[in-house]
């Protein structure tokens, strides 16, 4: 089983992804502190590295940001990593990252896009930390290129979903779909060879007045997960949504 746990306090996003059938267990924690609201006014300047950085980079640099991750393998080995924006800039310089995005045809329309695309660099640092097998490290450049494309695609998918569902702050990307990350809801997807579970106990939402609210859901225990997967018994207090291979909800039928 492999777990990824991402926690963000106050303005922090919290979600848990559980992959059933994997061997390693990994706990992932990211903390981001923003000192301001994220403006979304449309950028009309040139789509160049120089133009984008002139418009947004000072604001991006003013963020107090820190990431941390810890993992434990099936053998019990514990690993820990903390890093800051300065560390990410050293690993993935902003100018090069922005040029790579522009070369891929990405359009940055506002500060939210600028910040979001640059913050994808933290995923690369975390991915490299989590890439533990020697054969994976030997082929890291191939893995990195594929992962960058995947993360860009997921970011765009979530951005599109937020346009139609702006009140939802947190999302899961499952197969080809962006689905709301709602406390107390479990997504179960059977691909034929493995079963995946996505669930969250704590999330953030935005009220009608724009206030960020934390929402608590019930706790899901390991025994409940196994009962759900092995016998189909749904845990009390949870909403279970079954998905097909493409991430589409499967309507429940009356027995």
Protein backbone atom coordinates (compact mmCIF):
# COMPACT_ATOMS: atom_id res chain seq x y z
CA UNK A 1 0.00 0.00 0.00
CA UNK A 2 1.25 3.46 -0.74
CA UNK A 3 -0.02 6.59 0.99
CA UNK A 4 0.53 10.18 0.14
CA UNK A 5 -0.59 12.67 2.75
CA UNK A 6 -0.50 16.37 2.00
CA UNK A 7 -1.31 18.76 4.83
CA UNK A 8 -1.74 22.51 4.61
CA UNK A 9 -2.88 24.46 7.75
CA UNK A 10 -5.40 27.36 7.49
CA UNK A 11 -4.97 28.08 3.79
CA UNK A 12 -3.43 24.66 3.46
CA UNK A 13 -4.89 21.92 1.34
CA UNK A 14 -5.18 18.54 2.98
CA UNK A 15 -5.81 15.32 1.20
CA UNK A 16 -4.90 11.67 1.42
CA UNK A 17 -4.41 9.37 -1.52
CA UNK A 18 -4.27 5.65 -0.88
CA UNK A 19 -3.08 3.25 -3.56
CA UNK A 20 -4.01 -0.35 -2.78
CA UNK A 21 -1.72 -3.07 -4.07
CA UNK A 22 1.59 -1.17 -3.87
CA UNK A 23 4.31 -2.27 -1.49
CA UNK A 24 5.85 0.93 -0.13
CA UNK A 25 4.22 3.33 2.34
CA UNK A 26 5.01 7.00 1.86
CA UNK A 27 3.71 9.95 3.87
CA UNK A 28 3.98 13.24 2.01
CA UNK A 29 3.52 16.58 3.72
CA UNK A 30 3.62 19.97 2.06
CA UNK A 31 3.24 23.28 3.89
CA UNK A 32 2.66 26.56 2.05
CA UNK A 33 2.01 29.88 3.75
CA UNK A 34 0.63 32.69 1.64
CA UNK A 35 0.72 36.23 2.96
CA UNK A 36 -1.88 37.61 0.58
CA UNK A 37 -4.88 36.75 -1.54
CA UNK A 38 -4.00 35.50 -5.01
CA UNK A 39 -5.09 38.09 -7.59
CA UNK A 40 -6.56 36.73 -10.80
CA UNK A 41 -6.64 39.86 -12.99
CA UNK A 42 -5.83 38.94 -16.59
CA UNK A 43 -2.29 39.46 -17.82
CA UNK A 44 -2.16 41.09 -21.25
CA UNK A 45 1.60 41.45 -21.65
CA UNK A 46 3.88 39.35 -23.84
CA UNK A 47 4.14 35.62 -23.24
CA UNK A 48 7.87 35.79 -22.70
CA UNK A 49 10.04 34.93 -19.70
CA UNK A 50 11.05 38.56 -19.30
CA UNK A 51 7.49 39.89 -19.53
CA UNK A 52 6.04 37.34 -17.14
CA UNK A 53 8.77 37.77 -14.56
CA UNK A 54 8.47 41.54 -14.67
CA UNK A 55 4.74 41.27 -14.01
CA UNK A 56 4.67 38.53 -11.37
CA UNK A 57 8.06 37.52 -10.00
CA UNK A 58 8.37 40.04 -7.17
CA UNK A 59 4.95 38.99 -5.88
CA UNK A 60 5.87 35.32 -6.19
CA UNK A 61 9.11 35.84 -4.27
CA UNK A 62 7.25 37.48 -1.38
CA UNK A 63 5.56 34.18 -0.49
CA UNK A 64 6.80 32.51 2.68
CA UNK A 65 6.92 28.95 1.46
CA UNK A 66 8.26 25.74 2.96
CA UNK A 67 7.87 22.14 1.89
CA UNK A 68 8.50 19.01 3.94
CA UNK A 69 8.12 15.33 3.24
CA UNK A 70 8.71 12.11 5.14
CA UNK A 71 8.48 8.53 3.94
CA UNK A 72 8.77 5.04 5.31
CA UNK A 73 9.39 2.05 3.09
CA UNK A 74 8.00 -1.44 3.58
CA UNK A 75 11.32 -2.36 5.20
CA UNK A 76 10.82 0.33 7.86
CA UNK A 77 13.48 2.75 6.64
CA UNK A 78 12.49 6.33 7.46
CA UNK A 79 13.49 9.32 5.34
CA UNK A 80 12.83 13.04 5.76
CA UNK A 81 13.30 16.12 3.61
CA UNK A 82 12.63 19.83 4.12
CA UNK A 83 13.21 22.48 1.49
CA UNK A 84 12.37 26.09 0.66
CA UNK A 85 11.75 28.19 -2.40
CA UNK A 86 15.48 28.97 -2.57
CA UNK A 87 16.23 25.26 -2.79
CA UNK A 88 13.71 24.81 -5.60
CA UNK A 89 15.16 27.78 -7.50
CA UNK A 90 18.60 26.16 -7.30
CA UNK A 91 17.30 22.83 -8.60
CA UNK A 92 14.91 24.26 -11.20
CA UNK A 93 15.71 27.92 -12.04
CA UNK A 94 12.64 30.01 -12.71
CA UNK A 95 13.79 31.35 -16.07
CA UNK A 96 14.48 27.87 -17.45
CA UNK A 97 11.21 26.49 -16.05
CA UNK A 98 9.16 29.31 -17.55
CA UNK A 99 10.86 28.91 -20.93
CA UNK A 100 10.14 25.19 -20.84
CA UNK A 101 6.45 25.94 -20.19
CA UNK A 102 6.30 28.46 -23.02
CA UNK A 103 7.99 25.98 -25.37
CA UNK A 104 5.19 23.53 -24.52
CA UNK A 105 2.60 26.11 -25.57
CA UNK A 106 1.48 27.04 -22.06
CA UNK A 107 -0.24 30.41 -21.69
CA UNK A 108 -0.01 32.21 -18.35
CA UNK A 109 -3.01 34.51 -17.96
CA UNK A 110 -2.72 35.72 -14.36
CA UNK A 111 -0.67 35.48 -11.17
CA UNK A 112 -2.53 32.35 -10.12
CA UNK A 113 -1.26 30.61 -13.24
CA UNK A 114 2.25 31.96 -12.71
CA UNK A 115 2.39 30.79 -9.10
CA UNK A 116 0.74 27.46 -9.82
CA UNK A 117 3.03 26.53 -12.69
CA UNK A 118 6.17 27.55 -10.80
CA UNK A 119 5.06 25.62 -7.72
CA UNK A 120 4.96 22.46 -9.84
CA UNK A 121 8.73 22.50 -9.39
CA UNK A 122 8.21 21.41 -5.78
CA UNK A 123 6.52 18.27 -7.10
CA UNK A 124 9.70 17.47 -9.00
CA UNK A 125 11.82 17.72 -5.85
CA UNK A 126 9.34 15.50 -4.01
CA UNK A 127 9.16 13.05 -6.90
CA UNK A 128 12.93 12.68 -6.99
CA UNK A 129 12.96 12.13 -3.22
CA UNK A 130 10.31 9.44 -3.57
CA UNK A 131 12.05 7.75 -6.50
CA UNK A 132 13.98 5.18 -4.52
CA UNK A 133 14.64 2.26 -6.85
CA UNK A 134 18.03 2.24 -8.54
CA UNK A 135 16.61 1.50 -11.98
CA UNK A 136 14.32 4.50 -11.61
CA UNK A 137 17.23 6.76 -10.68
CA UNK A 138 19.23 5.55 -13.67
CA UNK A 139 16.38 6.62 -15.93
CA UNK A 140 15.52 9.75 -13.95
CA UNK A 141 15.59 12.12 -16.95
CA UNK A 142 12.92 10.08 -18.74
CA UNK A 143 10.82 9.87 -15.59
CA UNK A 144 11.22 13.61 -15.00
CA UNK A 145 10.10 14.57 -18.51
CA UNK A 146 7.01 12.37 -18.27
CA UNK A 147 6.16 13.59 -14.77
CA UNK A 148 6.41 17.25 -15.79
CA UNK A 149 3.93 16.66 -18.62
CA UNK A 150 1.60 14.80 -16.25
CA UNK A 151 1.66 17.52 -13.61
CA UNK A 152 1.03 20.25 -16.20
CA UNK A 153 -1.90 18.27 -17.56
CA UNK A 154 -3.33 17.76 -14.07
CA UNK A 155 -2.96 21.46 -13.24
CA UNK A 156 -4.86 22.41 -16.41
CA UNK A 157 -7.53 19.79 -15.71
CA UNK A 158 -8.12 21.14 -12.20
CA UNK A 159 -8.10 24.75 -13.43
CA UNK A 160 -10.85 23.92 -15.91
CA UNK A 161 -12.86 22.11 -13.24
CA UNK A 162 -12.58 25.09 -10.90
CA UNK A 163 -14.14 27.35 -13.52
CA UNK A 164 -17.40 25.40 -13.30
CA UNK A 165 -17.09 24.58 -9.58
CA UNK A 166 -15.22 27.53 -8.01
CA UNK A 167 -16.42 26.83 -4.47
CA UNK A 168 -14.44 23.57 -4.37
CA UNK A 169 -10.85 24.27 -3.34
CA UNK A 170 -9.37 20.76 -3.32
CA UNK A 171 -9.40 18.18 -6.07
CA UNK A 172 -8.29 14.68 -6.94
CA UNK A 173 -7.14 13.87 -10.47
CA UNK A 174 -8.27 10.32 -11.16
CA UNK A 175 -7.55 8.86 -14.59
CA UNK A 176 -8.98 11.45 -16.99
CA UNK A 177 -11.12 13.38 -14.52
CA UNK A 178 -10.76 16.08 -11.87
CA UNK A 179 -13.08 15.14 -9.00
CA UNK A 180 -13.93 17.19 -5.88
CA UNK A 181 -11.94 16.29 -2.78
CA UNK A 182 -14.73 16.33 -0.19
CA UNK A 183 -14.28 15.23 3.43
CA UNK A 184 -16.29 12.08 4.09
CA UNK A 185 -16.27 10.97 0.47
CA UNK A 186 -14.36 7.91 -0.80
CA UNK A 187 -13.59 7.29 -4.45
CA UNK A 188 -13.05 3.64 -5.35
CA UNK A 189 -11.71 2.66 -8.76
CA UNK A 190 -11.27 -0.93 -9.89
CA UNK A 191 -9.03 -1.12 -12.96
CA UNK A 192 -9.26 -4.89 -13.22
CA UNK A 193 -5.74 -5.51 -11.93
CA UNK A 194 -5.71 -3.21 -8.89
CA UNK A 195 -8.12 -1.19 -6.79
CA UNK A 196 -7.36 2.41 -5.86
CA UNK A 197 -8.92 4.43 -3.06
CA UNK A 198 -8.90 8.21 -2.71
CA UNK A 199 -10.30 9.86 0.39
CA UNK A 200 -9.91 12.91 2.60
CA UNK A 201 -10.78 13.62 6.21
CA UNK A 202 -9.96 17.33 6.21
CA UNK A 203 -10.31 19.88 3.47
CA UNK A 204 -10.73 23.60 2.87
CA UNK A 205 -13.64 25.41 1.26
CA UNK A 206 -14.47 29.02 0.51
CA UNK A 207 -17.66 30.53 1.92
CA UNK A 208 -19.94 32.92 0.04
CA UNK A 209 -18.07 35.82 1.67
CA UNK A 210 -14.71 34.47 0.50
CA UNK A 211 -13.64 33.18 3.92
CA UNK A 212 -11.48 30.04 3.92
CA UNK A 213 -13.09 27.36 6.08
CA UNK A 214 -11.70 24.05 7.28
CA UNK A 215 -14.07 21.10 7.03
CA UNK A 216 -13.67 17.91 9.06
CA UNK A 217 -14.95 14.55 7.98
CA UNK A 218 -15.05 11.16 9.73
CA UNK A 219 -11.92 9.08 10.26
CA UNK A 220 -11.39 6.09 7.99
CA UNK A 221 -9.67 3.15 9.65
CA UNK A 222 -7.55 0.49 7.97
CA UNK A 223 -10.03 -2.22 8.86
CA UNK A 224 -12.82 -0.24 7.18
CA UNK A 225 -10.75 0.08 4.00
CA UNK A 226 -10.13 -3.65 3.89
CA UNK A 227 -13.82 -4.40 4.50
CA UNK A 228 -14.75 -2.06 1.68
CA UNK A 229 -12.29 -3.63 -0.75
CA UNK A 230 -12.73 -7.27 0.23
CA UNK A 231 -16.42 -7.52 1.07
CA UNK A 232 -17.95 -4.33 -0.31
CA UNK A 233 -19.08 -3.16 3.14
CA UNK A 234 -19.18 0.64 3.03
CA UNK A 235 -17.88 2.37 6.18
CA UNK A 236 -20.48 4.13 8.28
CA UNK A 237 -20.50 7.90 7.88
CA UNK A 238 -18.77 7.84 4.49
CA UNK A 239 -20.14 8.41 1.01
CA UNK A 240 -18.64 5.90 -1.43
CA UNK A 241 -18.41 6.81 -5.12
CA UNK A 242 -17.37 4.04 -7.51
CA UNK A 243 -15.50 5.00 -10.67
CA UNK A 244 -14.89 3.35 -14.01
CA UNK A 245 -11.42 3.13 -15.57
CA UNK A 246 -11.70 6.67 -16.98
CA UNK A 247 -12.69 8.19 -13.63
CA UNK A 248 -16.39 8.55 -14.40
CA UNK A 249 -18.78 7.90 -11.47
CA UNK A 250 -20.72 4.67 -11.84
CA UNK A 251 -24.39 5.18 -10.95
CA UNK A 252 -25.57 2.99 -8.10
CA UNK A 253 -28.30 0.53 -8.95
CA UNK A 254 -30.93 -0.79 -6.57
CA UNK A 255 -30.49 -4.45 -5.71
